[in-house]
Amino acid sequence: MKHDLMIREPELYFDSIHNELNNFLRDTFLSHSIANPLNIKKISTWRPAIEVSQCDKNYKVKVQLPGVKKDDIEVELDNDFLTLTAEIQEEKEEKEEDKKNLRYHTSEFRYGKYKRTISFDQPINANEATAEYKNGLLTIKIPKKEPKHTENKKLTIIEK
């Protein structure tokens, strides 16, 4: 019987499970409160999907940010790190309701601030990086710095 070898990156595998469990718990216990008698502000997390890829000459980072305005996105490159900050704001709608006719409201929309820092395994050229935002998708292209070539040299050992 032939078995195929499957290569898995354990940290990525468990990271995915961890994220799914966190999303489930957050959605179950934080987002769907029926009533809020103490008027306590609900905690809301927002984690956009991200994709990082690389080729020989550059890195490419894609982030899904639907509903976010371009002016509410900030991209910073510093010391081979990319820091992305974005904010999506809640549209406020006030309604006057009769206290006898109590109504409940549930919203599954995500609001809040998002900040993520990504490190790169090779030096980057921040001066030539570009960012484009179209239809809720932010695409960042970051060239890698050309590696510095050093000449090989064999050292002669001197005995003293």
C-alpha atoms as a PDB file:
ATOM      1  CA  MET A   1       0.000   0.000   0.000  1.00  0.00           C
ATOM      2  CA  LYS A   2       1.399   3.373  -1.016  1.00  0.00           C
ATOM      3  CA  HIS A   3       1.168   6.382   1.300  1.00  0.00           C
ATOM      4  CA  ASP A   4       1.714   9.926   0.157  1.00  0.00           C
ATOM      5  CA  LEU A   5       3.857  12.125   2.317  1.00  0.00           C
ATOM      6  CA  MET A   6       2.004  15.232   3.463  1.00  0.00           C
ATOM      7  CA  ILE A   7       4.102  18.142   4.627  1.00  0.00           C
ATOM      8  CA  ARG A   8       2.432  20.330   7.241  1.00  0.00           C
ATOM      9  CA  GLU A   9       3.586  23.418   8.945  1.00  0.00           C
ATOM     10  CA  PRO A  10       2.393  22.723  12.518  1.00  0.00           C
ATOM     11  CA  GLU A  11       2.211  26.341  13.576  1.00  0.00           C
ATOM     12  CA  LEU A  12       0.060  27.257  10.559  1.00  0.00           C
ATOM     13  CA  TYR A  13      -2.200  24.268  11.133  1.00  0.00           C
ATOM     14  CA  PHE A  14      -2.802  25.098  14.793  1.00  0.00           C
ATOM     15  CA  ASP A  15      -3.011  28.822  14.080  1.00  0.00           C
ATOM     16  CA  SER A  16      -5.943  28.128  11.754  1.00  0.00           C
ATOM     17  CA  ILE A  17      -7.726  26.028  14.391  1.00  0.00           C
ATOM     18  CA  HIS A  18      -7.026  28.692  17.014  1.00  0.00           C
ATOM     19  CA  ASN A  19      -8.459  31.441  14.767  1.00  0.00           C
ATOM     20  CA  GLU A  20     -11.591  29.412  14.002  1.00  0.00           C
ATOM     21  CA  LEU A  21     -12.182  28.703  17.704  1.00  0.00           C
ATOM     22  CA  ASN A  22     -11.680  32.373  18.581  1.00  0.00           C
ATOM     23  CA  ASN A  23     -14.112  33.439  15.855  1.00  0.00           C
ATOM     24  CA  PHE A  24     -16.704  30.941  17.074  1.00  0.00           C
ATOM     25  CA  LEU A  25     -16.418  32.058  20.710  1.00  0.00           C
ATOM     26  CA  ARG A  26     -16.450  35.741  19.782  1.00  0.00           C
ATOM     27  CA  ASP A  27     -19.470  35.381  17.532  1.00  0.00           C
ATOM     28  CA  THR A  28     -21.336  33.250  20.048  1.00  0.00           C
ATOM     29  CA  PHE A  29     -20.723  35.213  23.229  1.00  0.00           C
ATOM     30  CA  LEU A  30     -19.861  38.792  22.279  1.00  0.00           C
ATOM     31  CA  SER A  31     -21.808  39.773  19.189  1.00  0.00           C
ATOM     32  CA  HIS A  32     -25.322  38.567  19.958  1.00  0.00           C
ATOM     33  CA  SER A  33     -26.406  40.041  23.245  1.00  0.00           C
ATOM     34  CA  ILE A  34     -30.190  40.359  23.395  1.00  0.00           C
ATOM     35  CA  ALA A  35     -30.384  43.176  25.892  1.00  0.00           C
ATOM     36  CA  ASN A  36     -27.898  45.481  27.472  1.00  0.00           C
ATOM     37  CA  PRO A  37     -29.578  46.867  30.607  1.00  0.00           C
ATOM     38  CA  LEU A  38     -26.400  48.480  31.950  1.00  0.00           C
ATOM     39  CA  ASN A  39     -25.610  50.077  28.583  1.00  0.00           C
ATOM     40  CA  ILE A  40     -22.204  48.401  28.561  1.00  0.00           C
ATOM     41  CA  LYS A  41     -20.282  48.874  25.344  1.00  0.00           C
ATOM     42  CA  LYS A  42     -19.834  45.534  23.589  1.00  0.00           C
ATOM     43  CA  ILE A  43     -16.353  44.402  22.637  1.00  0.00           C
ATOM     44  CA  SER A  44     -16.066  43.886  18.920  1.00  0.00           C
ATOM     45  CA  THR A  45     -13.106  42.435  17.120  1.00  0.00           C
ATOM     46  CA  TRP A  46     -12.462  42.807  13.455  1.00  0.00           C
ATOM     47  CA  ARG A  47      -9.815  40.779  11.636  1.00  0.00           C
ATOM     48  CA  PRO A  48      -9.692  41.166   7.866  1.00  0.00           C
ATOM     49  CA  ALA A  49      -8.413  38.314   5.703  1.00  0.00           C
ATOM     50  CA  ILE A  50      -4.801  38.711   4.605  1.00  0.00           C
ATOM     51  CA  GLU A  51      -2.570  36.997   2.058  1.00  0.00           C
ATOM     52  CA  VAL A  52       1.222  37.328   1.929  1.00  0.00           C
ATOM     53  CA  SER A  53       3.227  35.950  -0.979  1.00  0.00           C
ATOM     54  CA  GLN A  54       6.735  36.388  -2.304  1.00  0.00           C
ATOM     55  CA  CYS A  55       8.818  35.775  -5.376  1.00  0.00           C
ATOM     56  CA  ASP A  56      12.519  36.296  -6.026  1.00  0.00           C
ATOM     57  CA  LYS A  57      12.297  40.087  -6.226  1.00  0.00           C
ATOM     58  CA  ASN A  58       9.347  41.222  -4.084  1.00  0.00           C
ATOM     59  CA  TYR A  59       6.682  40.572  -1.479  1.00  0.00           C
ATOM     60  CA  LYS A  60       2.986  41.020  -2.173  1.00  0.00           C
ATOM     61  CA  VAL A  61       0.464  41.600   0.624  1.00  0.00           C
ATOM     62  CA  LYS A  62      -3.296  41.565  -0.040  1.00  0.00           C
ATOM     63  CA  VAL A  63      -5.826  42.579   2.602  1.00  0.00           C
ATOM     64  CA  GLN A  64      -9.617  42.417   2.293  1.00  0.00           C
ATOM     65  CA  LEU A  65     -11.059  45.646   3.674  1.00  0.00           C
ATOM     66  CA  PRO A  66     -14.623  45.899   2.334  1.00  0.00           C
ATOM     67  CA  GLY A  67     -16.484  48.983   3.474  1.00  0.00           C
ATOM     68  CA  VAL A  68     -13.336  50.771   4.633  1.00  0.00           C
ATOM     69  CA  LYS A  69     -12.618  54.198   3.179  1.00  0.00           C
ATOM     70  CA  LYS A  70      -9.154  54.741   1.694  1.00  0.00           C
ATOM     71  CA  ASP A  71      -8.560  57.623   4.135  1.00  0.00           C
ATOM     72  CA  ASP A  72      -9.115  55.231   7.072  1.00  0.00           C
ATOM     73  CA  ILE A  73      -6.205  52.967   6.032  1.00  0.00           C
ATOM     74  CA  GLU A  74      -2.577  53.543   7.001  1.00  0.00           C
ATOM     75  CA  VAL A  75       0.388  51.502   5.758  1.00  0.00           C
ATOM     76  CA  GLU A  76       3.810  51.990   7.328  1.00  0.00           C
ATOM     77  CA  LEU A  77       7.098  50.297   6.415  1.00  0.00           C
ATOM     78  CA  ASP A  78       9.915  50.454   8.939  1.00  0.00           C
ATOM     79  CA  ASN A  79      12.956  48.225   9.547  1.00  0.00           C
ATOM     80  CA  ASP A  80      11.686  45.328   7.419  1.00  0.00           C
ATOM     81  CA  PHE A  81       8.262  45.419   9.083  1.00  0.00           C
ATOM     82  CA  LEU A  82       4.929  46.382   7.552  1.00  0.00           C
ATOM     83  CA  THR A  83       2.312  47.816   9.913  1.00  0.00           C
ATOM     84  CA  LEU A  84      -1.242  48.094   8.632  1.00  0.00           C
ATOM     85  CA  THR A  85      -3.849  50.091  10.533  1.00  0.00           C
ATOM     86  CA  ALA A  86      -7.462  50.383   9.404  1.00  0.00           C
ATOM     87  CA  GLU A  87     -10.730  51.484  10.943  1.00  0.00           C
ATOM     88  CA  ILE A  88     -14.309  50.865   9.976  1.00  0.00           C
ATOM     89  CA  GLN A  89     -16.809  53.060  11.745  1.00  0.00           C
ATOM     90  CA  GLU A  90     -20.324  52.279  12.823  1.00  0.00           C
ATOM     91  CA  GLU A  91     -23.070  54.241  11.154  1.00  0.00           C
ATOM     92  CA  LYS A  92     -25.145  55.658  13.981  1.00  0.00           C
ATOM     93  CA  GLU A  93     -28.890  55.526  13.651  1.00  0.00           C
ATOM     94  CA  GLU A  94     -31.044  56.772  16.488  1.00  0.00           C
ATOM     95  CA  LYS A  95     -34.619  55.636  16.898  1.00  0.00           C
ATOM     96  CA  GLU A  96     -37.157  56.706  19.448  1.00  0.00           C
ATOM     97  CA  GLU A  97     -39.218  53.813  20.687  1.00  0.00           C
ATOM     98  CA  ASP A  98     -42.093  53.545  23.078  1.00  0.00           C
ATOM     99  CA  LYS A  99     -40.910  51.947  26.343  1.00  0.00           C
ATOM    100  CA  LYS A 100     -43.941  49.635  26.331  1.00  0.00           C
ATOM    101  CA  ASN A 101     -43.020  48.408  22.853  1.00  0.00           C
ATOM    102  CA  LEU A 102     -39.506  47.167  23.708  1.00  0.00           C
ATOM    103  CA  ARG A 103     -37.573  45.894  20.710  1.00  0.00           C
ATOM    104  CA  TYR A 104     -34.366  43.936  20.514  1.00  0.00           C
ATOM    105  CA  HIS A 105     -31.653  44.589  17.987  1.00  0.00           C
ATOM    106  CA  THR A 106     -28.870  42.340  16.762  1.00  0.00           C
ATOM    107  CA  SER A 107     -26.086  43.410  14.444  1.00  0.00           C
ATOM    108  CA  GLU A 108     -23.419  41.140  12.984  1.00  0.00           C
ATOM    109  CA  PHE A 109     -21.544  43.966  11.281  1.00  0.00           C
ATOM    110  CA  ARG A 110     -17.990  44.480  12.472  1.00  0.00           C
ATOM    111  CA  TYR A 111     -16.780  47.882  13.583  1.00  0.00           C
ATOM    112  CA  GLY A 112     -13.554  48.940  15.126  1.00  0.00           C
ATOM    113  CA  LYS A 113      -9.851  49.369  14.622  1.00  0.00           C
ATOM    114  CA  TYR A 114      -7.506  46.833  13.140  1.00  0.00           C
ATOM    115  CA  LYS A 115      -3.734  46.808  13.452  1.00  0.00           C
ATOM    116  CA  ARG A 116      -1.381  44.157  12.183  1.00  0.00           C
ATOM    117  CA  THR A 117       2.393  44.021  11.853  1.00  0.00           C
ATOM    118  CA  ILE A 118       4.115  41.675   9.426  1.00  0.00           C
ATOM    119  CA  SER A 119       7.830  40.948   9.453  1.00  0.00           C
ATOM    120  CA  PHE A 120       9.776  39.870   6.399  1.00  0.00           C
ATOM    121  CA  ASP A 121      12.600  37.357   6.321  1.00  0.00           C
ATOM    122  CA  GLN A 122      14.671  39.428   3.883  1.00  0.00           C
ATOM    123  CA  PRO A 123      15.456  43.157   3.871  1.00  0.00           C
ATOM    124  CA  ILE A 124      12.902  45.263   1.993  1.00  0.00           C
ATOM    125  CA  ASN A 125      13.183  48.396  -0.118  1.00  0.00           C
ATOM    126  CA  ALA A 126      10.549  50.615   1.488  1.00  0.00           C
ATOM    127  CA  ASN A 127      11.291  53.544  -0.862  1.00  0.00           C
ATOM    128  CA  GLU A 128      10.024  51.620  -3.891  1.00  0.00           C
ATOM    129  CA  ALA A 129       6.969  49.998  -2.274  1.00  0.00           C
ATOM    130  CA  THR A 130       3.498  50.717  -3.693  1.00  0.00           C
ATOM    131  CA  ALA A 131      -0.046  50.354  -2.351  1.00  0.00           C
ATOM    132  CA  GLU A 132      -3.295  50.204  -4.340  1.00  0.00           C
ATOM    133  CA  TYR A 133      -6.844  50.067  -2.991  1.00  0.00           C
ATOM    134  CA  LYS A 134      -9.647  48.945  -5.295  1.00  0.00           C
ATOM    135  CA  ASN A 135     -13.066  47.429  -4.558  1.00  0.00           C
ATOM    136  CA  GLY A 136     -12.233  46.730  -0.905  1.00  0.00           C
ATOM    137  CA  LEU A 137      -8.923  44.994  -1.670  1.00  0.00           C
ATOM    138  CA  LEU A 138      -5.648  46.580  -0.574  1.00  0.00           C
ATOM    139  CA  THR A 139      -2.622  45.322  -2.537  1.00  0.00           C
ATOM    140  CA  ILE A 140       0.870  46.236  -1.337  1.00  0.00           C
ATOM    141  CA  LYS A 141       3.970  45.424  -3.396  1.00  0.00           C
ATOM    142  CA  ILE A 142       7.297  45.630  -1.605  1.00  0.00           C
ATOM    143  CA  PRO A 143      10.561  45.023  -3.459  1.00  0.00           C
ATOM    144  CA  LYS A 144      13.284  43.075  -1.702  1.00  0.00           C
ATOM    145  CA  LYS A 145      16.664  44.728  -1.335  1.00  0.00           C
ATOM    146  CA  GLU A 146      19.335  43.358  -3.593  1.00  0.00           C
ATOM    147  CA  PRO A 147      21.557  41.068  -1.545  1.00  0.00           C
ATOM    148  CA  LYS A 148      25.048  42.343  -1.028  1.00  0.00           C
ATOM    149  CA  HIS A 149      27.551  39.983  -2.546  1.00  0.00           C
ATOM    150  CA  THR A 150      30.759  39.461  -0.697  1.00  0.00           C
ATOM    151  CA  GLU A 151      33.833  37.920  -2.201  1.00  0.00           C
ATOM    152  CA  ASN A 152      34.877  34.561  -0.892  1.00  0.00           C
ATOM    153  CA  LYS A 153      38.242  34.586   0.770  1.00  0.00           C
ATOM    154  CA  LYS A 154      40.182  31.811   2.320  1.00  0.00           C
ATOM    155  CA  LEU A 155      42.061  32.905   5.409  1.00  0.00           C
ATOM    156  CA  THR A 156      45.534  31.721   6.188  1.00  0.00           C
ATOM    157  CA  ILE A 157      45.958  30.672   9.759  1.00  0.00           C
ATOM    158  CA  ILE A 158      49.114  31.913  11.419  1.00  0.00           C
ATOM    159  CA  GLU A 159      50.547  29.860  14.205  1.00  0.00           C
ATOM    160  CA  LYS A 160      52.120  31.764  17.084  1.00  0.00           C
END
